[in-house]
C-alpha atoms as a PDB file:
ATOM      1  CA  UNK A   1      -0.037  -0.024  -0.037  1.00  0.00           C
ATOM      2  CA  UNK A   2       2.869   2.325   0.839  1.00  0.00           C
ATOM      3  CA  UNK A   3       4.427   1.622  -2.604  1.00  0.00           C
ATOM      4  CA  UNK A   4       1.324   2.703  -4.340  1.00  0.00           C
ATOM      5  CA  UNK A   5       1.180   5.888  -2.423  1.00  0.00           C
ATOM      6  CA  UNK A   6       4.844   6.669  -3.346  1.00  0.00           C
ATOM      7  CA  UNK A   7       4.272   6.118  -6.907  1.00  0.00           C
ATOM      8  CA  UNK A   8       1.227   8.433  -6.829  1.00  0.00           C
ATOM      9  CA  UNK A   9       3.342  11.095  -5.198  1.00  0.00           C
ATOM     10  CA  UNK A  10       6.178  10.694  -7.716  1.00  0.00           C
ATOM     11  CA  UNK A  11       3.747  10.878 -10.634  1.00  0.00           C
ATOM     12  CA  UNK A  12       2.223  14.105  -9.104  1.00  0.00           C
ATOM     13  CA  UNK A  13       5.680  15.551  -8.728  1.00  0.00           C
ATOM     14  CA  UNK A  14       6.476  14.778 -12.357  1.00  0.00           C
ATOM     15  CA  UNK A  15       3.196  16.287 -13.515  1.00  0.00           C
ATOM     16  CA  UNK A  16       3.821  19.410 -11.429  1.00  0.00           C
ATOM     17  CA  UNK A  17       7.370  19.703 -12.724  1.00  0.00           C
ATOM     18  CA  UNK A  18       6.060  19.450 -16.291  1.00  0.00           C
ATOM     19  CA  UNK A  19       3.356  22.006 -15.598  1.00  0.00           C
ATOM     20  CA  UNK A  20       5.992  24.355 -14.080  1.00  0.00           C
ATOM     21  CA  UNK A  21       8.340  23.965 -17.122  1.00  0.00           C
ATOM     22  CA  UNK A  22       5.360  24.524 -19.476  1.00  0.00           C
ATOM     23  CA  UNK A  23       4.457  27.690 -17.432  1.00  0.00           C
ATOM     24  CA  UNK A  24       7.951  28.915 -17.400  1.00  0.00           C
ATOM     25  CA  UNK A  25       8.233  28.323 -21.134  1.00  0.00           C
ATOM     26  CA  UNK A  26       4.997  30.183 -21.757  1.00  0.00           C
ATOM     27  CA  UNK A  27       6.225  33.115 -19.573  1.00  0.00           C
ATOM     28  CA  UNK A  28       9.607  33.257 -21.480  1.00  0.00           C
ATOM     29  CA  UNK A  29       7.783  33.200 -24.848  1.00  0.00           C
ATOM     30  CA  UNK A  30       5.340  35.919 -23.699  1.00  0.00           C
ATOM     31  CA  UNK A  31       8.076  38.106 -22.363  1.00  0.00           C
ATOM     32  CA  UNK A  32      10.089  37.647 -25.584  1.00  0.00           C
ATOM     33  CA  UNK A  33       7.053  38.485 -27.804  1.00  0.00           C
ATOM     34  CA  UNK A  34       6.225  41.576 -25.628  1.00  0.00           C
ATOM     35  CA  UNK A  35       9.921  42.657 -25.772  1.00  0.00           C
ATOM     36  CA  UNK A  36      10.103  42.238 -29.475  1.00  0.00           C
ATOM     37  CA  UNK A  37       6.800  44.104 -30.028  1.00  0.00           C
ATOM     38  CA  UNK A  38       8.064  47.023 -27.900  1.00  0.00           C
ATOM     39  CA  UNK A  39      11.389  46.951 -29.714  1.00  0.00           C
ATOM     40  CA  UNK A  40       9.658  47.148 -33.098  1.00  0.00           C
ATOM     41  CA  UNK A  41       7.585  50.159 -31.878  1.00  0.00           C
ATOM     42  CA  UNK A  42      10.606  51.796 -30.373  1.00  0.00           C
ATOM     43  CA  UNK A  43      12.596  51.327 -33.560  1.00  0.00           C
ATOM     44  CA  UNK A  44       9.763  52.761 -35.654  1.00  0.00           C
ATOM     45  CA  UNK A  45       9.549  55.750 -33.374  1.00  0.00           C
ATOM     46  CA  UNK A  46      13.269  56.222 -33.456  1.00  0.00           C
ATOM     47  CA  UNK A  47      13.305  56.205 -37.304  1.00  0.00           C
ATOM     48  CA  UNK A  48      10.397  58.751 -37.137  1.00  0.00           C
ATOM     49  CA  UNK A  49      12.334  61.056 -34.805  1.00  0.00           C
ATOM     50  CA  UNK A  50      15.488  60.742 -37.027  1.00  0.00           C
ATOM     51  CA  UNK A  51      13.413  61.461 -40.130  1.00  0.00           C
ATOM     52  CA  UNK A  52      11.897  64.465 -38.321  1.00  0.00           C
ATOM     53  CA  UNK A  53      15.376  65.706 -37.360  1.00  0.00           C
ATOM     54  CA  UNK A  54      16.472  65.421 -40.943  1.00  0.00           C
ATOM     55  CA  UNK A  55      13.350  67.300 -42.199  1.00  0.00           C
ATOM     56  CA  UNK A  56      13.922  70.068 -39.595  1.00  0.00           C
ATOM     57  CA  UNK A  57      17.482  70.514 -40.707  1.00  0.00           C
ATOM     58  CA  UNK A  58      16.375  70.574 -44.411  1.00  0.00           C
ATOM     59  CA  UNK A  59      13.786  73.241 -43.428  1.00  0.00           C
ATOM     60  CA  UNK A  60      16.331  75.216 -41.493  1.00  0.00           C
ATOM     61  CA  UNK A  61      18.706  75.135 -44.444  1.00  0.00           C
ATOM     62  CA  UNK A  62      15.871  76.243 -46.831  1.00  0.00           C
ATOM     63  CA  UNK A  63      14.789  78.997 -44.421  1.00  0.00           C
ATOM     64  CA  UNK A  64      18.359  80.387 -44.251  1.00  0.00           C
ATOM     65  CA  UNK A  65      18.619  80.283 -48.031  1.00  0.00           C
ATOM     66  CA  UNK A  66      15.259  82.095 -48.404  1.00  0.00           C
ATOM     67  CA  UNK A  67      16.154  84.625 -45.739  1.00  0.00           C
ATOM     68  CA  UNK A  68      19.499  85.279 -47.461  1.00  0.00           C
ATOM     69  CA  UNK A  69      17.591  85.849 -50.850  1.00  0.00           C
ATOM     70  CA  UNK A  70      15.061  88.021 -49.078  1.00  0.00           C
ATOM     71  CA  UNK A  71      17.786  90.096 -47.438  1.00  0.00           C
ATOM     72  CA  UNK A  72      19.469  90.625 -50.811  1.00  0.00           C
ATOM     73  CA  UNK A  73      16.274  91.594 -52.648  1.00  0.00           C
ATOM     74  CA  UNK A  74      14.510  93.646 -50.003  1.00  0.00           C
ATOM     75  CA  UNK A  75      16.732  96.712 -50.565  1.00  0.00           C
ATOM     76  CA  UNK A  76      16.023  96.577 -54.328  1.00  0.00           C
ATOM     77  CA  UNK A  77      12.318  96.137 -53.712  1.00  0.00           C
ATOM     78  CA  UNK A  78      12.067  99.002 -51.293  1.00  0.00           C
ATOM     79  CA  UNK A  79      14.021 101.239 -53.813  1.00  0.00           C
ATOM     80  CA  UNK A  80      11.709 100.094 -56.709  1.00  0.00           C
ATOM     81  CA  UNK A  81       8.591 100.559 -54.612  1.00  0.00           C
ATOM     82  CA  UNK A  82       9.728 104.130 -53.750  1.00  0.00           C
ATOM     83  CA  UNK A  83      10.313 104.967 -57.372  1.00  0.00           C
ATOM     84  CA  UNK A  84       6.929 103.616 -58.454  1.00  0.00           C
ATOM     85  CA  UNK A  85       5.208 105.664 -55.693  1.00  0.00           C
ATOM     86  CA  UNK A  86       6.902 108.833 -56.857  1.00  0.00           C
ATOM     87  CA  UNK A  87       5.814 108.086 -60.481  1.00  0.00           C
ATOM     88  CA  UNK A  88       2.240 107.633 -59.258  1.00  0.00           C
ATOM     89  CA  UNK A  89       2.294 110.842 -57.487  1.00  0.00           C
ATOM     90  CA  UNK A  90       3.524 112.560 -60.602  1.00  0.00           C
ATOM     91  CA  UNK A  91       0.493 111.477 -62.734  1.00  0.00           C
ATOM     92  CA  UNK A  92      -2.043 111.079 -59.839  1.00  0.00           C
ATOM     93  CA  UNK A  93      -0.835 113.492 -56.967  1.00  0.00           C
ATOM     94  CA  UNK A  94      -2.217 113.639 -53.479  1.00  0.00           C
ATOM     95  CA  UNK A  95      -3.228 117.251 -53.885  1.00  0.00           C
ATOM     96  CA  UNK A  96      -4.462 119.478 -56.730  1.00  0.00           C
ATOM     97  CA  UNK A  97      -1.058 120.969 -57.376  1.00  0.00           C
ATOM     98  CA  UNK A  98      -2.417 123.524 -59.744  1.00  0.00           C
ATOM     99  CA  UNK A  99       0.856 125.413 -59.704  1.00  0.00           C
ATOM    100  CA  UNK A 100       2.910 122.490 -61.044  1.00  0.00           C
ATOM    101  CA  UNK A 101       0.038 121.762 -63.433  1.00  0.00           C
ATOM    102  CA  UNK A 102       0.470 125.245 -64.888  1.00  0.00           C
ATOM    103  CA  UNK A 103       4.109 124.655 -65.411  1.00  0.00           C
ATOM    104  CA  UNK A 104       3.340 121.411 -67.233  1.00  0.00           C
ATOM    105  CA  UNK A 105       0.819 123.163 -69.591  1.00  0.00           C
ATOM    106  CA  UNK A 106       3.604 125.812 -70.216  1.00  0.00           C
ATOM    107  CA  UNK A 107       5.968 123.101 -71.138  1.00  0.00           C
ATOM    108  CA  UNK A 108       3.407 121.481 -73.481  1.00  0.00           C
ATOM    109  CA  UNK A 109       2.884 124.909 -75.162  1.00  0.00           C
ATOM    110  CA  UNK A 110       6.558 125.389 -75.539  1.00  0.00           C
ATOM    111  CA  UNK A 111       7.171 121.878 -76.887  1.00  0.00           C
ATOM    112  CA  UNK A 112       4.296 121.923 -79.436  1.00  0.00           C
ATOM    113  CA  UNK A 113       4.910 125.509 -80.545  1.00  0.00           C
ATOM    114  CA  UNK A 114       8.526 124.844 -81.542  1.00  0.00           C
ATOM    115  CA  UNK A 115       7.676 124.088 -85.176  1.00  0.00           C
ATOM    116  CA  UNK A 116       3.938 124.864 -85.652  1.00  0.00           C
ATOM    117  CA  UNK A 117       1.603 127.312 -83.894  1.00  0.00           C
ATOM    118  CA  UNK A 118       0.276 126.389 -80.490  1.00  0.00           C
ATOM    119  CA  UNK A 119      -0.374 129.013 -77.853  1.00  0.00           C
ATOM    120  CA  UNK A 120      -2.494 129.036 -74.673  1.00  0.00           C
ATOM    121  CA  UNK A 121      -4.057 132.489 -74.110  1.00  0.00           C
ATOM    122  CA  UNK A 122      -6.046 131.860 -70.922  1.00  0.00           C
ATOM    123  CA  UNK A 123      -6.073 129.273 -68.041  1.00  0.00           C
ATOM    124  CA  UNK A 124      -8.867 129.260 -65.608  1.00  0.00           C
ATOM    125  CA  UNK A 125      -8.914 126.844 -62.690  1.00  0.00           C
ATOM    126  CA  UNK A 126     -12.353 126.029 -61.292  1.00  0.00           C
ATOM    127  CA  UNK A 127     -13.404 124.732 -57.910  1.00  0.00           C
ATOM    128  CA  UNK A 128     -12.313 121.165 -57.392  1.00  0.00           C
ATOM    129  CA  UNK A 129     -15.074 118.526 -56.918  1.00  0.00           C
ATOM    130  CA  UNK A 130     -14.966 115.209 -55.134  1.00  0.00           C
ATOM    131  CA  UNK A 131     -15.928 111.762 -56.390  1.00  0.00           C
ATOM    132  CA  UNK A 132     -16.022 108.534 -54.408  1.00  0.00           C
ATOM    133  CA  UNK A 133     -12.371 107.644 -54.783  1.00  0.00           C
ATOM    134  CA  UNK A 134     -10.780 110.670 -56.266  1.00  0.00           C
ATOM    135  CA  UNK A 135     -11.090 114.488 -56.678  1.00  0.00           C
ATOM    136  CA  UNK A 136     -11.209 116.562 -59.954  1.00  0.00           C
ATOM    137  CA  UNK A 137      -9.739 119.870 -60.731  1.00  0.00           C
ATOM    138  CA  UNK A 138     -11.596 121.368 -63.797  1.00  0.00           C
ATOM    139  CA  UNK A 139      -9.507 123.726 -66.087  1.00  0.00           C
ATOM    140  CA  UNK A 140     -10.815 125.924 -68.825  1.00  0.00           C
ATOM    141  CA  UNK A 141      -8.214 126.918 -71.474  1.00  0.00           C
ATOM    142  CA  UNK A 142      -8.412 128.968 -74.805  1.00  0.00           C
ATOM    143  CA  UNK A 143      -5.878 127.672 -77.293  1.00  0.00           C
ATOM    144  CA  UNK A 144      -4.800 128.617 -80.842  1.00  0.00           C
ATOM    145  CA  UNK A 145      -3.173 125.769 -82.787  1.00  0.00           C
ATOM    146  CA  UNK A 146      -2.346 124.308 -86.107  1.00  0.00           C
ATOM    147  CA  UNK A 147      -4.328 121.367 -87.190  1.00  0.00           C
ATOM    148  CA  UNK A 148      -1.424 118.974 -86.550  1.00  0.00           C
ATOM    149  CA  UNK A 149      -0.787 120.315 -83.068  1.00  0.00           C
ATOM    150  CA  UNK A 150      -4.524 120.182 -82.299  1.00  0.00           C
ATOM    151  CA  UNK A 151      -4.498 116.431 -83.066  1.00  0.00           C
ATOM    152  CA  UNK A 152      -1.216 115.973 -81.126  1.00  0.00           C
ATOM    153  CA  UNK A 153      -2.760 117.844 -78.098  1.00  0.00           C
ATOM    154  CA  UNK A 154      -5.833 115.693 -78.186  1.00  0.00           C
ATOM    155  CA  UNK A 155      -3.645 112.461 -78.203  1.00  0.00           C
ATOM    156  CA  UNK A 156      -1.606 113.934 -75.297  1.00  0.00           C
ATOM    157  CA  UNK A 157      -4.699 114.320 -73.195  1.00  0.00           C
ATOM    158  CA  UNK A 158      -6.002 111.001 -74.221  1.00  0.00           C
ATOM    159  CA  UNK A 159      -2.721 109.141 -73.265  1.00  0.00           C
ATOM    160  CA  UNK A 160      -2.127 111.231 -70.051  1.00  0.00           C
ATOM    161  CA  UNK A 161      -1.559 109.218 -66.784  1.00  0.00           C
ATOM    162  CA  UNK A 162       0.968 106.900 -68.377  1.00  0.00           C
ATOM    163  CA  UNK A 163       3.912 106.180 -66.016  1.00  0.00           C
ATOM    164  CA  UNK A 164       6.524 106.499 -68.836  1.00  0.00           C
ATOM    165  CA  UNK A 165       5.326 109.894 -69.992  1.00  0.00           C
ATOM    166  CA  UNK A 166       4.830 111.372 -66.630  1.00  0.00           C
ATOM    167  CA  UNK A 167       1.879 113.515 -67.874  1.00  0.00           C
ATOM    168  CA  UNK A 168      -0.742 114.426 -65.208  1.00  0.00           C
ATOM    169  CA  UNK A 169      -3.944 112.205 -65.471  1.00  0.00           C
ATOM    170  CA  UNK A 170      -6.455 114.278 -67.343  1.00  0.00           C
ATOM    171  CA  UNK A 171      -9.443 113.961 -69.669  1.00  0.00           C
ATOM    172  CA  UNK A 172     -11.408 116.377 -71.805  1.00  0.00           C
ATOM    173  CA  UNK A 173     -15.118 116.995 -70.910  1.00  0.00           C
ATOM    174  CA  UNK A 174     -15.866 119.674 -73.499  1.00  0.00           C
ATOM    175  CA  UNK A 175     -14.399 121.478 -76.452  1.00  0.00           C
ATOM    176  CA  UNK A 176     -15.504 124.400 -78.697  1.00  0.00           C
ATOM    177  CA  UNK A 177     -13.849 125.031 -82.125  1.00  0.00           C
ATOM    178  CA  UNK A 178     -13.374 128.082 -84.383  1.00  0.00           C
ATOM    179  CA  UNK A 179     -11.301 128.069 -87.639  1.00  0.00           C
ATOM    180  CA  UNK A 180      -9.327 130.887 -89.220  1.00  0.00           C
ATOM    181  CA  UNK A 181      -6.494 131.301 -91.697  1.00  0.00           C
ATOM    182  CA  UNK A 182      -3.131 132.744 -90.926  1.00  0.00           C
ATOM    183  CA  UNK A 183       0.233 133.126 -92.832  1.00  0.00           C
ATOM    184  CA  UNK A 184       2.575 130.167 -92.204  1.00  0.00           C
ATOM    185  CA  UNK A 185       5.911 131.339 -90.773  1.00  0.00           C
ATOM    186  CA  UNK A 186       8.186 130.029 -93.580  1.00  0.00           C
ATOM    187  CA  UNK A 187       6.026 128.800 -96.513  1.00  0.00           C
ATOM    188  CA  UNK A 188       4.305 132.091 -97.188  1.00  0.00           C
ATOM    189  CA  UNK A 189       0.980 130.314 -97.831  1.00  0.00           C
ATOM    190  CA  UNK A 190      -2.164 130.460 -95.764  1.00  0.00           C
ATOM    191  CA  UNK A 191      -2.395 127.970 -92.977  1.00  0.00           C
ATOM    192  CA  UNK A 192      -5.559 127.059 -91.218  1.00  0.00           C
ATOM    193  CA  UNK A 193      -5.478 127.613 -87.540  1.00  0.00           C
ATOM    194  CA  UNK A 194      -7.887 126.287 -84.937  1.00  0.00           C
ATOM    195  CA  UNK A 195      -9.112 128.366 -82.022  1.00  0.00           C
ATOM    196  CA  UNK A 196     -10.645 126.197 -79.422  1.00  0.00           C
ATOM    197  CA  UNK A 197     -11.817 126.414 -75.867  1.00  0.00           C
ATOM    198  CA  UNK A 198     -11.558 123.171 -73.764  1.00  0.00           C
ATOM    199  CA  UNK A 199     -12.608 122.079 -70.354  1.00  0.00           C
ATOM    200  CA  UNK A 200     -10.223 119.580 -69.000  1.00  0.00           C
ATOM    201  CA  UNK A 201     -10.422 117.562 -65.874  1.00  0.00           C
ATOM    202  CA  UNK A 202      -7.218 116.975 -63.958  1.00  0.00           C
ATOM    203  CA  UNK A 203      -7.386 114.181 -61.343  1.00  0.00           C
ATOM    204  CA  UNK A 204      -5.801 113.899 -58.027  1.00  0.00           C
ATOM    205  CA  UNK A 205      -6.196 111.569 -54.950  1.00  0.00           C
ATOM    206  CA  UNK A 206      -8.861 112.182 -52.531  1.00  0.00           C
END
């Protein structure tokens, strides 16, 4: 009877040892799988961090390059912007500047009258009016001109406001014409002259 009991105890011990070994094996496998999974996640995160560092360095280099280009161009940009602003104020000033406009008209008269007749006999500035985004200075003038200079003057008013020509922005709101004949300076033959009265609007900033 005692032999049977010893055999049963030994068998139980073997079973317990096997169970313990299996449990230890499962624990080792579980810990290995857990460690491997964490390592994969850590490795992936580390790669992401390294990639981010590389991206940051690339962006810093690009930023430094762009800043250098900006610093080189900003001075030229400021100078160009200042030049454009001055050109705009020449053709579309912030005030009526009728004194300067009078000098411009005198210059036009002198320029056109070099070869053919063109003379301004009267300049009358009227009260400025305001529109929504700009102001208008009406000017009435009496002019005697050759036919060619008459056409040239109309084109000058039509093309006024161009940055290249630097002629004050104007338009013609009314015109009255009279024709007569006068002796040409050099040819000795009658030349038809045009006497006309014009009402011109010169524009300036509000």
